[in-house]
Amino acid sequence: MNYTIDAKGKRLGRLASEIAVILQGKKDPNYEHRTAGKDKVIIKNIKLVQISGKKYEEKVYHRHSGPLGHLKTETYKQKFIKNPAWVLEHAVRLMLPKNRLQKPRMKRLVIEK
């Protein structure tokens, strides 16, 4: 089943948790925890998603290139301006179980720009 969700005016975390439940297949009456599920999620108006408090300026994403001292940081504002879809994908990926089913589930997430 295809779920179409309009992100306009929704909070990022609540939207990501709703998507994670759908991608796991928990809304399907034939839910089986060891299968990837069949439901597909289509997100519209990702640029209109909201975030509460001071997170727009203060939330920080880290990544490390390997060698000592090579920690890269970017704020939510920088990431969201560059690629708003990445922010939602990252939030959903962290809410899914970390196992072999994570990649096939993430492939069923479509974010329209």
N, C-alpha and C. Protein backbone atom coordinates (compact mmCIF):
# COMPACT_ATOMS: atom_id res chain seq x y z
N MET A 1 0.84 -1.17 0.00
CA MET A 1 0.00 0.00 0.00
C MET A 1 0.89 1.24 0.00
N ASN A 2 0.48 2.25 -0.71
CA ASN A 2 1.21 3.51 -0.76
C ASN A 2 0.58 4.51 0.19
N TYR A 3 1.40 5.10 1.03
CA TYR A 3 0.97 6.16 1.93
C TYR A 3 1.55 7.46 1.44
N THR A 4 0.71 8.48 1.26
CA THR A 4 1.17 9.81 0.87
C THR A 4 0.97 10.72 2.06
N ILE A 5 2.06 11.34 2.50
CA ILE A 5 2.03 12.20 3.68
C ILE A 5 2.45 13.60 3.29
N ASP A 6 1.66 14.58 3.69
CA ASP A 6 1.99 15.98 3.46
C ASP A 6 2.72 16.49 4.71
N ALA A 7 3.97 16.92 4.55
CA ALA A 7 4.79 17.34 5.68
C ALA A 7 4.53 18.78 6.12
N LYS A 8 3.64 19.46 5.44
CA LYS A 8 3.39 20.87 5.73
C LYS A 8 2.87 21.03 7.17
N GLY A 9 3.63 21.79 7.99
CA GLY A 9 3.22 22.10 9.34
C GLY A 9 3.44 20.99 10.35
N LYS A 10 4.03 19.84 9.96
CA LYS A 10 4.26 18.74 10.89
C LYS A 10 5.65 18.86 11.50
N ARG A 11 5.78 18.34 12.71
CA ARG A 11 7.07 18.35 13.40
C ARG A 11 7.95 17.23 12.84
N LEU A 12 9.23 17.49 12.74
CA LEU A 12 10.17 16.55 12.13
C LEU A 12 10.19 15.20 12.85
N GLY A 13 10.33 15.19 14.15
CA GLY A 13 10.43 13.94 14.89
C GLY A 13 9.17 13.11 14.85
N ARG A 14 8.03 13.75 14.97
CA ARG A 14 6.76 13.01 14.93
C ARG A 14 6.51 12.44 13.54
N LEU A 15 6.89 13.19 12.52
CA LEU A 15 6.75 12.71 11.15
C LEU A 15 7.67 11.52 10.91
N ALA A 16 8.91 11.61 11.38
CA ALA A 16 9.88 10.53 11.19
C ALA A 16 9.44 9.25 11.91
N SER A 17 8.88 9.38 13.11
CA SER A 17 8.44 8.18 13.82
C SER A 17 7.23 7.54 13.14
N GLU A 18 6.35 8.35 12.60
CA GLU A 18 5.19 7.83 11.86
C GLU A 18 5.65 7.07 10.62
N ILE A 19 6.63 7.63 9.91
CA ILE A 19 7.16 6.99 8.71
C ILE A 19 7.86 5.67 9.07
N ALA A 20 8.62 5.66 10.16
CA ALA A 20 9.34 4.45 10.56
C ALA A 20 8.37 3.31 10.87
N VAL A 21 7.25 3.61 11.49
CA VAL A 21 6.25 2.58 11.80
C VAL A 21 5.66 2.01 10.51
N ILE A 22 5.38 2.88 9.55
CA ILE A 22 4.82 2.42 8.27
C ILE A 22 5.82 1.58 7.51
N LEU A 23 7.10 2.02 7.45
CA LEU A 23 8.12 1.29 6.70
C LEU A 23 8.40 -0.09 7.31
N GLN A 24 8.24 -0.23 8.61
CA GLN A 24 8.43 -1.53 9.24
C GLN A 24 7.27 -2.47 8.94
N GLY A 25 6.15 -1.93 8.46
CA GLY A 25 5.00 -2.75 8.13
C GLY A 25 4.06 -2.97 9.29
N LYS A 26 4.19 -2.18 10.34
CA LYS A 26 3.37 -2.40 11.53
C LYS A 26 1.92 -1.96 11.35
N LYS A 27 1.62 -1.22 10.29
CA LYS A 27 0.23 -0.85 10.03
C LYS A 27 -0.48 -1.90 9.18
N ASP A 28 0.25 -2.86 8.70
CA ASP A 28 -0.30 -3.92 7.87
C ASP A 28 -0.85 -5.03 8.77
N PRO A 29 -2.06 -5.54 8.49
CA PRO A 29 -2.60 -6.62 9.34
C PRO A 29 -1.78 -7.91 9.28
N ASN A 30 -0.99 -8.07 8.23
CA ASN A 30 -0.14 -9.27 8.10
C ASN A 30 1.29 -8.96 8.53
N TYR A 31 1.47 -8.15 9.56
CA TYR A 31 2.80 -7.74 10.02
C TYR A 31 3.62 -8.93 10.47
N GLU A 32 4.84 -8.99 9.99
CA GLU A 32 5.79 -10.01 10.39
C GLU A 32 7.12 -9.31 10.65
N HIS A 33 7.63 -9.42 11.87
CA HIS A 33 8.81 -8.63 12.26
C HIS A 33 10.07 -8.98 11.49
N ARG A 34 10.14 -10.17 10.89
CA ARG A 34 11.37 -10.56 10.20
C ARG A 34 11.34 -10.28 8.69
N THR A 35 10.28 -9.62 8.22
CA THR A 35 10.22 -9.23 6.81
C THR A 35 10.28 -7.71 6.69
N ALA A 36 10.70 -7.24 5.53
CA ALA A 36 10.88 -5.80 5.33
C ALA A 36 9.56 -5.06 5.18
N GLY A 37 8.48 -5.76 4.84
CA GLY A 37 7.20 -5.11 4.62
C GLY A 37 7.06 -4.69 3.17
N LYS A 38 5.86 -4.20 2.81
CA LYS A 38 5.60 -3.83 1.42
C LYS A 38 5.12 -2.41 1.28
N ASP A 39 4.85 -1.73 2.37
CA ASP A 39 4.28 -0.39 2.31
C ASP A 39 5.32 0.62 1.85
N LYS A 40 4.87 1.54 1.01
CA LYS A 40 5.73 2.58 0.46
C LYS A 40 5.23 3.93 0.98
N VAL A 41 6.15 4.84 1.31
CA VAL A 41 5.78 6.14 1.85
C VAL A 41 6.27 7.23 0.91
N ILE A 42 5.37 8.13 0.52
CA ILE A 42 5.69 9.26 -0.35
C ILE A 42 5.47 10.53 0.47
N ILE A 43 6.50 11.37 0.56
CA ILE A 43 6.44 12.59 1.35
C ILE A 43 6.40 13.79 0.41
N LYS A 44 5.47 14.70 0.68
CA LYS A 44 5.36 15.93 -0.11
C LYS A 44 5.59 17.14 0.79
N ASN A 45 6.00 18.25 0.21
CA ASN A 45 6.22 19.52 0.90
C ASN A 45 7.22 19.40 2.05
N ILE A 46 8.36 18.77 1.79
CA ILE A 46 9.36 18.58 2.84
C ILE A 46 9.95 19.91 3.28
N LYS A 47 9.95 20.91 2.44
CA LYS A 47 10.52 22.20 2.81
C LYS A 47 9.67 22.94 3.83
N LEU A 48 8.45 22.48 4.07
CA LEU A 48 7.55 23.14 5.02
C LEU A 48 7.46 22.41 6.35
N VAL A 49 8.35 21.45 6.59
CA VAL A 49 8.36 20.74 7.86
C VAL A 49 8.86 21.68 8.95
N GLN A 50 8.35 21.51 10.17
CA GLN A 50 8.71 22.41 11.27
C GLN A 50 9.62 21.69 12.27
N ILE A 51 10.33 22.49 13.02
CA ILE A 51 11.15 21.99 14.11
C ILE A 51 10.97 22.93 15.28
N SER A 52 10.89 22.39 16.49
CA SER A 52 10.52 23.21 17.64
C SER A 52 11.74 23.82 18.33
N GLY A 53 11.49 24.83 19.11
CA GLY A 53 12.52 25.45 19.95
C GLY A 53 13.63 26.12 19.16
N LYS A 54 14.83 26.06 19.71
CA LYS A 54 16.00 26.70 19.10
C LYS A 54 16.80 25.73 18.23
N LYS A 55 16.20 24.57 17.93
CA LYS A 55 16.93 23.55 17.18
C LYS A 55 17.35 24.02 15.79
N TYR A 56 16.60 24.92 15.19
CA TYR A 56 16.94 25.40 13.85
C TYR A 56 18.33 26.01 13.83
N GLU A 57 18.71 26.69 14.89
CA GLU A 57 20.03 27.33 14.97
C GLU A 57 21.04 26.46 15.72
N GLU A 58 20.60 25.66 16.69
CA GLU A 58 21.54 25.01 17.61
C GLU A 58 21.77 23.52 17.38
N LYS A 59 20.87 22.82 16.70
CA LYS A 59 21.05 21.38 16.47
C LYS A 59 22.24 21.16 15.54
N VAL A 60 23.10 20.20 15.89
CA VAL A 60 24.34 19.99 15.15
C VAL A 60 24.44 18.54 14.69
N TYR A 61 24.86 18.34 13.45
CA TYR A 61 25.13 17.01 12.90
C TYR A 61 26.64 16.85 12.78
N HIS A 62 27.16 15.70 13.24
CA HIS A 62 28.59 15.43 13.21
C HIS A 62 28.87 14.29 12.23
N ARG A 63 30.03 14.36 11.60
CA ARG A 63 30.55 13.23 10.83
C ARG A 63 32.05 13.25 10.95
N HIS A 64 32.67 12.10 10.85
CA HIS A 64 34.10 12.00 11.06
C HIS A 64 34.73 11.34 9.86
N SER A 65 35.84 11.94 9.34
CA SER A 65 36.48 11.42 8.15
C SER A 65 37.49 10.33 8.45
N GLY A 66 37.83 10.10 9.71
CA GLY A 66 38.75 9.03 10.05
C GLY A 66 39.95 9.50 10.84
N PRO A 67 40.85 10.31 10.24
CA PRO A 67 42.04 10.74 10.99
C PRO A 67 41.68 11.62 12.19
N LEU A 68 42.56 11.64 13.15
CA LEU A 68 42.33 12.44 14.35
C LEU A 68 42.16 13.93 14.00
N GLY A 69 41.20 14.55 14.63
CA GLY A 69 40.99 15.98 14.43
C GLY A 69 40.18 16.34 13.20
N HIS A 70 39.62 15.37 12.52
CA HIS A 70 38.88 15.64 11.28
C HIS A 70 37.37 15.52 11.49
N LEU A 71 36.89 16.03 12.60
CA LEU A 71 35.46 16.02 12.89
C LEU A 71 34.80 17.17 12.14
N LYS A 72 33.80 16.85 11.32
CA LYS A 72 33.07 17.86 10.56
C LYS A 72 31.73 18.07 11.24
N THR A 73 31.33 19.32 11.41
CA THR A 73 30.04 19.63 12.01
C THR A 73 29.27 20.60 11.13
N GLU A 74 27.97 20.40 11.10
CA GLU A 74 27.07 21.30 10.38
C GLU A 74 25.82 21.47 11.24
N THR A 75 25.25 22.66 11.21
CA THR A 75 24.02 22.90 11.95
C THR A 75 22.83 22.41 11.14
N TYR A 76 21.70 22.28 11.82
CA TYR A 76 20.46 21.89 11.15
C TYR A 76 20.12 22.87 10.04
N LYS A 77 20.33 24.15 10.31
CA LYS A 77 20.01 25.19 9.33
C LYS A 77 20.82 25.00 8.04
N GLN A 78 22.12 24.74 8.17
CA GLN A 78 22.96 24.53 7.00
C GLN A 78 22.54 23.30 6.22
N LYS A 79 22.28 22.20 6.92
CA LYS A 79 21.88 20.96 6.26
C LYS A 79 20.52 21.11 5.59
N PHE A 80 19.58 21.77 6.28
CA PHE A 80 18.23 21.89 5.75
C PHE A 80 18.20 22.77 4.50
N ILE A 81 18.99 23.83 4.48
CA ILE A 81 19.05 24.69 3.30
C ILE A 81 19.67 23.94 2.13
N LYS A 82 20.71 23.15 2.40
CA LYS A 82 21.40 22.41 1.35
C LYS A 82 20.55 21.26 0.82
N ASN A 83 19.96 20.46 1.73
CA ASN A 83 19.21 19.28 1.32
C ASN A 83 18.18 18.90 2.39
N PRO A 84 16.95 19.43 2.30
CA PRO A 84 15.96 19.13 3.34
C PRO A 84 15.56 17.65 3.38
N ALA A 85 15.68 16.95 2.26
CA ALA A 85 15.32 15.53 2.24
C ALA A 85 16.28 14.72 3.11
N TRP A 86 17.55 15.10 3.13
CA TRP A 86 18.53 14.36 3.92
C TRP A 86 18.18 14.38 5.40
N VAL A 87 17.69 15.51 5.89
CA VAL A 87 17.36 15.66 7.30
C VAL A 87 16.28 14.64 7.70
N LEU A 88 15.25 14.52 6.89
CA LEU A 88 14.18 13.57 7.19
C LEU A 88 14.67 12.13 7.04
N GLU A 89 15.43 11.85 5.99
CA GLU A 89 15.97 10.50 5.80
C GLU A 89 16.84 10.09 6.99
N HIS A 90 17.66 11.00 7.47
CA HIS A 90 18.53 10.72 8.60
C HIS A 90 17.71 10.42 9.86
N ALA A 91 16.67 11.20 10.10
CA ALA A 91 15.82 10.99 11.27
C ALA A 91 15.11 9.64 11.19
N VAL A 92 14.61 9.29 10.02
CA VAL A 92 13.91 8.01 9.85
C VAL A 92 14.89 6.85 10.00
N ARG A 93 16.07 6.98 9.40
CA ARG A 93 17.07 5.91 9.48
C ARG A 93 17.44 5.62 10.93
N LEU A 94 17.55 6.65 11.75
CA LEU A 94 17.90 6.43 13.15
C LEU A 94 16.75 5.81 13.94
N MET A 95 15.52 5.93 13.46
CA MET A 95 14.37 5.36 14.16
C MET A 95 14.05 3.93 13.74
N LEU A 96 14.65 3.47 12.65
CA LEU A 96 14.45 2.08 12.21
C LEU A 96 15.43 1.17 12.95
N PRO A 97 15.08 -0.11 13.11
CA PRO A 97 16.01 -1.05 13.73
C PRO A 97 17.28 -1.20 12.89
N LYS A 98 18.41 -1.33 13.57
CA LYS A 98 19.70 -1.45 12.89
C LYS A 98 19.96 -2.92 12.55
N ASN A 99 19.44 -3.37 11.41
CA ASN A 99 19.63 -4.75 10.99
C ASN A 99 19.61 -4.82 9.46
N ARG A 100 19.59 -6.02 8.91
CA ARG A 100 19.67 -6.20 7.46
C ARG A 100 18.45 -5.67 6.72
N LEU A 101 17.37 -5.39 7.41
CA LEU A 101 16.15 -4.90 6.78
C LEU A 101 16.12 -3.38 6.63
N GLN A 102 17.09 -2.69 7.20
CA GLN A 102 17.07 -1.23 7.18
C GLN A 102 17.19 -0.68 5.76
N LYS A 103 18.09 -1.22 4.94
CA LYS A 103 18.27 -0.72 3.57
C LYS A 103 17.04 -0.92 2.70
N PRO A 104 16.44 -2.14 2.68
CA PRO A 104 15.24 -2.29 1.86
C PRO A 104 14.08 -1.42 2.33
N ARG A 105 14.00 -1.16 3.62
CA ARG A 105 12.94 -0.29 4.12
C ARG A 105 13.18 1.15 3.69
N MET A 106 14.41 1.61 3.76
CA MET A 106 14.72 2.99 3.37
C MET A 106 14.51 3.22 1.87
N LYS A 107 14.65 2.18 1.07
CA LYS A 107 14.44 2.30 -0.37
C LYS A 107 12.97 2.58 -0.70
N ARG A 108 12.07 2.24 0.22
CA ARG A 108 10.64 2.47 -0.01
C ARG A 108 10.19 3.84 0.49
N LEU A 109 11.13 4.67 0.90
CA LEU A 109 10.83 6.04 1.30
C LEU A 109 11.14 6.96 0.13
N VAL A 110 10.11 7.65 -0.37
CA VAL A 110 10.27 8.56 -1.51
C VAL A 110 9.93 9.97 -1.03
N ILE A 111 10.88 10.89 -1.21
CA ILE A 111 10.68 12.28 -0.79
C ILE A 111 10.67 13.15 -2.04
N GLU A 112 9.51 13.73 -2.31
CA GLU A 112 9.36 14.59 -3.48
C GLU A 112 9.82 15.99 -3.12
N LYS A 113 10.56 16.60 -4.01
CA LYS A 113 11.11 17.93 -3.73
C LYS A 113 10.24 19.02 -4.25
